[in-house]
C-alpha atoms as a PDB file:
ATOM      1  CA  UNK A   1     -58.003 -19.957   1.175  1.00  0.00           C
ATOM      2  CA  UNK A   2     -55.191 -21.118   2.495  1.00  0.00           C
ATOM      3  CA  UNK A   3     -53.648 -22.448  -0.857  1.00  0.00           C
ATOM      4  CA  UNK A   4     -54.264 -18.591  -2.176  1.00  0.00           C
ATOM      5  CA  UNK A   5     -51.736 -17.149   0.749  1.00  0.00           C
ATOM      6  CA  UNK A   6     -49.586 -20.392   0.157  1.00  0.00           C
ATOM      7  CA  UNK A   7     -49.232 -18.805  -2.863  1.00  0.00           C
ATOM      8  CA  UNK A   8     -48.546 -15.775  -2.246  1.00  0.00           C
ATOM      9  CA  UNK A   9     -46.145 -16.659   0.589  1.00  0.00           C
ATOM     10  CA  UNK A  10     -44.118 -17.332  -2.805  1.00  0.00           C
ATOM     11  CA  UNK A  11     -44.439 -15.110  -4.670  1.00  0.00           C
ATOM     12  CA  UNK A  12     -42.467 -12.906  -2.401  1.00  0.00           C
ATOM     13  CA  UNK A  13     -39.468 -16.073  -1.756  1.00  0.00           C
ATOM     14  CA  UNK A  14     -39.896 -15.904  -5.674  1.00  0.00           C
ATOM     15  CA  UNK A  15     -39.066 -11.541  -5.304  1.00  0.00           C
ATOM     16  CA  UNK A  16     -36.783 -12.110  -2.485  1.00  0.00           C
ATOM     17  CA  UNK A  17     -34.280 -14.463  -3.854  1.00  0.00           C
ATOM     18  CA  UNK A  18     -34.161 -12.448  -7.474  1.00  0.00           C
ATOM     19  CA  UNK A  19     -33.771  -8.720  -5.311  1.00  0.00           C
ATOM     20  CA  UNK A  20     -31.176 -10.773  -3.162  1.00  0.00           C
ATOM     21  CA  UNK A  21     -28.977 -11.907  -6.493  1.00  0.00           C
ATOM     22  CA  UNK A  22     -29.080  -9.063  -8.801  1.00  0.00           C
ATOM     23  CA  UNK A  23     -27.210  -6.128  -6.891  1.00  0.00           C
ATOM     24  CA  UNK A  24     -23.375  -6.895  -6.179  1.00  0.00           C
ATOM     25  CA  UNK A  25     -23.189  -6.324  -2.448  1.00  0.00           C
ATOM     26  CA  UNK A  26     -19.916  -4.099  -1.777  1.00  0.00           C
ATOM     27  CA  UNK A  27     -19.282  -1.294   0.830  1.00  0.00           C
ATOM     28  CA  UNK A  28     -18.532   2.110  -0.393  1.00  0.00           C
ATOM     29  CA  UNK A  29     -15.456   3.457   1.671  1.00  0.00           C
ATOM     30  CA  UNK A  30     -15.742   6.434   3.941  1.00  0.00           C
ATOM     31  CA  UNK A  31     -16.575  10.659   3.058  1.00  0.00           C
ATOM     32  CA  UNK A  32     -17.008  10.191  -1.034  1.00  0.00           C
ATOM     33  CA  UNK A  33     -18.906  14.073  -1.586  1.00  0.00           C
ATOM     34  CA  UNK A  34     -21.710  14.856  -3.600  1.00  0.00           C
ATOM     35  CA  UNK A  35     -20.961  15.714  -7.244  1.00  0.00           C
ATOM     36  CA  UNK A  36     -21.832  18.967  -7.121  1.00  0.00           C
ATOM     37  CA  UNK A  37     -18.965  19.519  -3.239  1.00  0.00           C
ATOM     38  CA  UNK A  38     -16.572  16.703  -5.638  1.00  0.00           C
ATOM     39  CA  UNK A  39     -17.247  19.842  -8.460  1.00  0.00           C
ATOM     40  CA  UNK A  40     -16.641  22.348  -6.456  1.00  0.00           C
ATOM     41  CA  UNK A  41     -13.704  20.888  -4.007  1.00  0.00           C
ATOM     42  CA  UNK A  42     -11.816  20.546  -8.032  1.00  0.00           C
ATOM     43  CA  UNK A  43     -12.372  24.142  -9.149  1.00  0.00           C
ATOM     44  CA  UNK A  44     -10.539  25.076  -5.550  1.00  0.00           C
ATOM     45  CA  UNK A  45      -7.110  22.700  -6.359  1.00  0.00           C
ATOM     46  CA  UNK A  46      -4.348  23.747  -7.567  1.00  0.00           C
ATOM     47  CA  UNK A  47      -3.355  23.007 -10.624  1.00  0.00           C
ATOM     48  CA  UNK A  48       0.370  22.083 -12.057  1.00  0.00           C
ATOM     49  CA  UNK A  49       3.015  20.217 -13.300  1.00  0.00           C
ATOM     50  CA  UNK A  50       3.899  16.680 -11.923  1.00  0.00           C
ATOM     51  CA  UNK A  51       7.517  17.453 -11.208  1.00  0.00           C
ATOM     52  CA  UNK A  52      10.253  15.096  -8.982  1.00  0.00           C
ATOM     53  CA  UNK A  53       8.717  12.214 -11.037  1.00  0.00           C
ATOM     54  CA  UNK A  54      11.317  11.042 -11.257  1.00  0.00           C
ATOM     55  CA  UNK A  55      12.933  10.152  -7.589  1.00  0.00           C
ATOM     56  CA  UNK A  56       9.220   8.700  -6.592  1.00  0.00           C
ATOM     57  CA  UNK A  57      10.053   4.745  -4.752  1.00  0.00           C
ATOM     58  CA  UNK A  58       7.258   3.483  -3.311  1.00  0.00           C
ATOM     59  CA  UNK A  59       9.812   2.782  -0.005  1.00  0.00           C
ATOM     60  CA  UNK A  60       8.921   5.998   1.047  1.00  0.00           C
ATOM     61  CA  UNK A  61       4.984   5.481   1.525  1.00  0.00           C
ATOM     62  CA  UNK A  62       5.454   2.433   4.429  1.00  0.00           C
ATOM     63  CA  UNK A  63       2.286   0.649   3.579  1.00  0.00           C
ATOM     64  CA  UNK A  64       0.964  -1.300   5.056  1.00  0.00           C
ATOM     65  CA  UNK A  65       0.577  -1.698   8.650  1.00  0.00           C
ATOM     66  CA  UNK A  66      -1.149  -1.928  11.836  1.00  0.00           C
ATOM     67  CA  UNK A  67      -3.917  -1.409  12.378  1.00  0.00           C
ATOM     68  CA  UNK A  68      -5.654  -3.349  15.480  1.00  0.00           C
ATOM     69  CA  UNK A  69      -4.072  -6.210  17.079  1.00  0.00           C
ATOM     70  CA  UNK A  70      -2.533  -8.618  13.982  1.00  0.00           C
ATOM     71  CA  UNK A  71      -4.661  -6.631  11.594  1.00  0.00           C
ATOM     72  CA  UNK A  72      -2.835  -4.054   9.293  1.00  0.00           C
ATOM     73  CA  UNK A  73      -4.539  -2.090   6.143  1.00  0.00           C
ATOM     74  CA  UNK A  74      -5.075  -4.350   4.272  1.00  0.00           C
ATOM     75  CA  UNK A  75      -7.149  -6.675   6.110  1.00  0.00           C
ATOM     76  CA  UNK A  76      -8.811  -4.050   7.768  1.00  0.00           C
ATOM     77  CA  UNK A  77      -9.909  -3.395   3.894  1.00  0.00           C
ATOM     78  CA  UNK A  78     -11.058  -6.554   3.017  1.00  0.00           C
ATOM     79  CA  UNK A  79     -13.089  -7.075   6.194  1.00  0.00           C
ATOM     80  CA  UNK A  80     -15.185  -3.565   5.513  1.00  0.00           C
ATOM     81  CA  UNK A  81     -15.480  -3.642   1.841  1.00  0.00           C
ATOM     82  CA  UNK A  82     -15.950  -8.130   1.386  1.00  0.00           C
ATOM     83  CA  UNK A  83     -19.519 -10.507   2.753  1.00  0.00           C
ATOM     84  CA  UNK A  84     -19.550 -12.441   4.799  1.00  0.00           C
ATOM     85  CA  UNK A  85     -15.263 -13.174   4.998  1.00  0.00           C
ATOM     86  CA  UNK A  86     -13.985 -14.998   7.772  1.00  0.00           C
ATOM     87  CA  UNK A  87     -10.469 -14.292   8.983  1.00  0.00           C
ATOM     88  CA  UNK A  88      -7.714 -16.859  10.412  1.00  0.00           C
ATOM     89  CA  UNK A  89      -6.372 -16.080  13.817  1.00  0.00           C
ATOM     90  CA  UNK A  90      -3.399 -13.589  12.213  1.00  0.00           C
ATOM     91  CA  UNK A  91      -6.419 -11.916  10.640  1.00  0.00           C
ATOM     92  CA  UNK A  92      -6.037 -13.165   6.979  1.00  0.00           C
ATOM     93  CA  UNK A  93      -8.503 -13.599   4.944  1.00  0.00           C
ATOM     94  CA  UNK A  94     -10.129 -16.890   4.253  1.00  0.00           C
ATOM     95  CA  UNK A  95     -13.698 -16.891   2.786  1.00  0.00           C
ATOM     96  CA  UNK A  96     -16.265 -14.115   1.469  1.00  0.00           C
ATOM     97  CA  UNK A  97     -16.983 -12.441  -1.316  1.00  0.00           C
ATOM     98  CA  UNK A  98     -15.512  -9.337  -2.425  1.00  0.00           C
ATOM     99  CA  UNK A  99     -17.054  -7.394  -5.322  1.00  0.00           C
ATOM    100  CA  UNK A 100     -15.233  -5.042  -7.656  1.00  0.00           C
ATOM    101  CA  UNK A 101     -16.441  -1.607  -8.231  1.00  0.00           C
ATOM    102  CA  UNK A 102     -14.328  -0.771 -10.837  1.00  0.00           C
ATOM    103  CA  UNK A 103     -14.663  -3.491 -13.422  1.00  0.00           C
ATOM    104  CA  UNK A 104     -18.060  -5.165 -11.718  1.00  0.00           C
ATOM    105  CA  UNK A 105     -16.539  -8.632 -10.719  1.00  0.00           C
ATOM    106  CA  UNK A 106     -17.154 -10.348  -7.547  1.00  0.00           C
ATOM    107  CA  UNK A 107     -14.286 -12.505  -6.315  1.00  0.00           C
ATOM    108  CA  UNK A 108     -14.237 -15.448  -2.992  1.00  0.00           C
ATOM    109  CA  UNK A 109     -10.847 -15.151  -3.332  1.00  0.00           C
ATOM    110  CA  UNK A 110      -8.681 -12.579  -1.108  1.00  0.00           C
ATOM    111  CA  UNK A 111      -5.885 -12.955  -3.331  1.00  0.00           C
ATOM    112  CA  UNK A 112      -7.787 -12.391  -5.991  1.00  0.00           C
ATOM    113  CA  UNK A 113      -8.235  -8.843  -5.014  1.00  0.00           C
ATOM    114  CA  UNK A 114      -5.251  -5.510  -4.170  1.00  0.00           C
ATOM    115  CA  UNK A 115      -6.882  -3.061  -2.192  1.00  0.00           C
ATOM    116  CA  UNK A 116      -6.522   0.475  -4.435  1.00  0.00           C
ATOM    117  CA  UNK A 117      -5.411   3.287  -3.468  1.00  0.00           C
ATOM    118  CA  UNK A 118      -7.278   5.953  -5.821  1.00  0.00           C
ATOM    119  CA  UNK A 119      -4.419   7.982  -5.887  1.00  0.00           C
ATOM    120  CA  UNK A 120      -1.203   6.355  -7.099  1.00  0.00           C
ATOM    121  CA  UNK A 121       1.554   7.349  -4.634  1.00  0.00           C
ATOM    122  CA  UNK A 122       3.189   7.494  -7.589  1.00  0.00           C
ATOM    123  CA  UNK A 123       0.545   9.834  -8.577  1.00  0.00           C
ATOM    124  CA  UNK A 124       0.201  11.684  -5.532  1.00  0.00           C
ATOM    125  CA  UNK A 125       4.018  12.294  -5.282  1.00  0.00           C
ATOM    126  CA  UNK A 126       4.390  14.098  -8.349  1.00  0.00           C
ATOM    127  CA  UNK A 127       0.976  15.947  -6.426  1.00  0.00           C
ATOM    128  CA  UNK A 128       2.910  17.734  -4.635  1.00  0.00           C
ATOM    129  CA  UNK A 129       4.221  14.405  -2.094  1.00  0.00           C
ATOM    130  CA  UNK A 130       7.530  14.525  -2.870  1.00  0.00           C
ATOM    131  CA  UNK A 131       7.464  17.350   0.072  1.00  0.00           C
ATOM    132  CA  UNK A 132       6.082  15.338   2.906  1.00  0.00           C
ATOM    133  CA  UNK A 133       7.507  13.973   5.353  1.00  0.00           C
ATOM    134  CA  UNK A 134       7.649  10.064   6.441  1.00  0.00           C
ATOM    135  CA  UNK A 135       4.560   9.476   8.684  1.00  0.00           C
ATOM    136  CA  UNK A 136       2.716  12.485   5.913  1.00  0.00           C
ATOM    137  CA  UNK A 137       3.227   9.386   3.377  1.00  0.00           C
ATOM    138  CA  UNK A 138       2.317   6.090   5.610  1.00  0.00           C
ATOM    139  CA  UNK A 139      -0.317   8.307   6.436  1.00  0.00           C
ATOM    140  CA  UNK A 140      -1.443   9.179   3.239  1.00  0.00           C
ATOM    141  CA  UNK A 141      -1.069   5.166   2.387  1.00  0.00           C
ATOM    142  CA  UNK A 142      -2.994   3.469   4.682  1.00  0.00           C
ATOM    143  CA  UNK A 143      -5.834   6.714   4.951  1.00  0.00           C
ATOM    144  CA  UNK A 144      -9.342   4.076   5.874  1.00  0.00           C
ATOM    145  CA  UNK A 145     -11.464   7.989   6.839  1.00  0.00           C
ATOM    146  CA  UNK A 146     -11.431   8.931   3.380  1.00  0.00           C
ATOM    147  CA  UNK A 147     -12.157   7.390  -0.750  1.00  0.00           C
ATOM    148  CA  UNK A 148      -8.424   6.243  -0.999  1.00  0.00           C
ATOM    149  CA  UNK A 149      -8.465   2.474  -0.425  1.00  0.00           C
ATOM    150  CA  UNK A 150     -10.667   0.000  -2.935  1.00  0.00           C
ATOM    151  CA  UNK A 151     -10.989  -3.348  -3.322  1.00  0.00           C
ATOM    152  CA  UNK A 152     -10.761  -4.140  -6.499  1.00  0.00           C
ATOM    153  CA  UNK A 153     -10.088  -6.955  -8.806  1.00  0.00           C
ATOM    154  CA  UNK A 154      -6.015  -7.933  -8.498  1.00  0.00           C
ATOM    155  CA  UNK A 155      -4.769  -7.755 -12.248  1.00  0.00           C
ATOM    156  CA  UNK A 156      -7.586  -4.371 -13.115  1.00  0.00           C
ATOM    157  CA  UNK A 157      -5.976  -2.262 -10.458  1.00  0.00           C
ATOM    158  CA  UNK A 158      -2.103  -3.756 -12.097  1.00  0.00           C
ATOM    159  CA  UNK A 159      -4.119  -2.075 -15.088  1.00  0.00           C
ATOM    160  CA  UNK A 160      -4.584   1.290 -14.135  1.00  0.00           C
ATOM    161  CA  UNK A 161      -1.003   1.602 -12.485  1.00  0.00           C
ATOM    162  CA  UNK A 162       0.014   5.017 -10.881  1.00  0.00           C
ATOM    163  CA  UNK A 163      -2.380   6.390 -14.021  1.00  0.00           C
ATOM    164  CA  UNK A 164      -4.838   8.899 -13.942  1.00  0.00           C
ATOM    165  CA  UNK A 165      -7.772   9.686 -14.884  1.00  0.00           C
ATOM    166  CA  UNK A 166      -6.525  10.877 -18.113  1.00  0.00           C
ATOM    167  CA  UNK A 167      -5.333   7.933 -18.527  1.00  0.00           C
ATOM    168  CA  UNK A 168      -7.153   5.620 -17.381  1.00  0.00           C
ATOM    169  CA  UNK A 169     -11.615   5.029 -16.298  1.00  0.00           C
ATOM    170  CA  UNK A 170     -12.542   2.369 -14.633  1.00  0.00           C
ATOM    171  CA  UNK A 171     -14.007   0.076 -17.309  1.00  0.00           C
ATOM    172  CA  UNK A 172     -17.486   0.108 -15.677  1.00  0.00           C
ATOM    173  CA  UNK A 173     -18.757   3.078 -16.638  1.00  0.00           C
ATOM    174  CA  UNK A 174     -22.124   3.584 -14.168  1.00  0.00           C
ATOM    175  CA  UNK A 175     -19.049   3.523 -12.017  1.00  0.00           C
ATOM    176  CA  UNK A 176     -16.984   6.583 -13.009  1.00  0.00           C
ATOM    177  CA  UNK A 177     -19.025   9.244 -11.141  1.00  0.00           C
ATOM    178  CA  UNK A 178     -18.151   8.090  -7.992  1.00  0.00           C
ATOM    179  CA  UNK A 179     -15.000   7.586  -9.117  1.00  0.00           C
ATOM    180  CA  UNK A 180     -14.404  11.460  -9.846  1.00  0.00           C
ATOM    181  CA  UNK A 181     -15.790  12.411  -6.679  1.00  0.00           C
ATOM    182  CA  UNK A 182     -13.824   9.678  -4.816  1.00  0.00           C
ATOM    183  CA  UNK A 183     -10.675  11.220  -6.743  1.00  0.00           C
ATOM    184  CA  UNK A 184     -11.014  15.523  -6.359  1.00  0.00           C
ATOM    185  CA  UNK A 185     -11.599  14.526  -2.775  1.00  0.00           C
ATOM    186  CA  UNK A 186      -8.314  12.728  -1.198  1.00  0.00           C
ATOM    187  CA  UNK A 187      -6.509  14.933  -3.716  1.00  0.00           C
ATOM    188  CA  UNK A 188      -8.528  18.010  -1.268  1.00  0.00           C
ATOM    189  CA  UNK A 189      -7.694  16.501   1.747  1.00  0.00           C
ATOM    190  CA  UNK A 190      -4.838  15.688   1.128  1.00  0.00           C
ATOM    191  CA  UNK A 191      -3.809  19.573  -0.312  1.00  0.00           C
ATOM    192  CA  UNK A 192      -2.846  17.660  -3.755  1.00  0.00           C
ATOM    193  CA  UNK A 193      -2.634  19.541  -7.177  1.00  0.00           C
ATOM    194  CA  UNK A 194      -4.177  18.742 -10.087  1.00  0.00           C
ATOM    195  CA  UNK A 195      -2.863  18.995 -13.824  1.00  0.00           C
ATOM    196  CA  UNK A 196      -4.610  20.085 -16.771  1.00  0.00           C
ATOM    197  CA  UNK A 197      -5.581  17.276 -18.877  1.00  0.00           C
ATOM    198  CA  UNK A 198      -6.518  15.643 -15.328  1.00  0.00           C
ATOM    199  CA  UNK A 199      -8.394  18.398 -14.199  1.00  0.00           C
ATOM    200  CA  UNK A 200     -10.484  18.231 -17.850  1.00  0.00           C
ATOM    201  CA  UNK A 201     -10.739  14.396 -17.766  1.00  0.00           C
ATOM    202  CA  UNK A 202     -12.418  14.697 -13.653  1.00  0.00           C
ATOM    203  CA  UNK A 203     -14.905  17.445 -15.202  1.00  0.00           C
ATOM    204  CA  UNK A 204     -15.753  15.842 -18.402  1.00  0.00           C
ATOM    205  CA  UNK A 205     -16.488  12.327 -15.487  1.00  0.00           C
ATOM    206  CA  UNK A 206     -18.425  14.749 -13.696  1.00  0.00           C
ATOM    207  CA  UNK A 207     -20.497  15.811 -16.529  1.00  0.00           C
ATOM    208  CA  UNK A 208     -22.334  11.439 -15.836  1.00  0.00           C
ATOM    209  CA  UNK A 209     -23.162  12.151 -12.827  1.00  0.00           C
END
């Protein structure tokens, strides 16, 4: 009987290990709506051509700002979205593990991770933020209350740049449903418009949900 129990215990232990290593660990930013809610919110957004693009300046969206103590917005997202994150006295992440949902990669150095604005700052500017106060643009660029900030692979973030879903989609197709839902929520929350190609792409991505 003791041998049977040992064999069963070993099998359970092996199963537990396989579960731990098979699924990537990542936190999810708050406020992502269901696909049906996202679809209704997309339908409610103003459809308009982008404008004022030539006057965009990244400095008009002050970031990263201090959130708590010595921690700025980037460091807060690294702590929120990472696993076993260790920080220095200045709040810099010295070790941890970050899963990038855009491409499925996992990183153990914070320097390999960028904090992506789901709706890029230039995209927001051309979709209505040109008419905001600097204070409102600062709040947008540092928004921890919704699905605007994501810890992702640095060169993936750079390849995305200022492109909207009609121009760029995550390479990990299984994430595109979540990506569309998050994008729509940010635009809905902040009262930003969508252009027709962007809306069509978002509807298509919602279809994968």
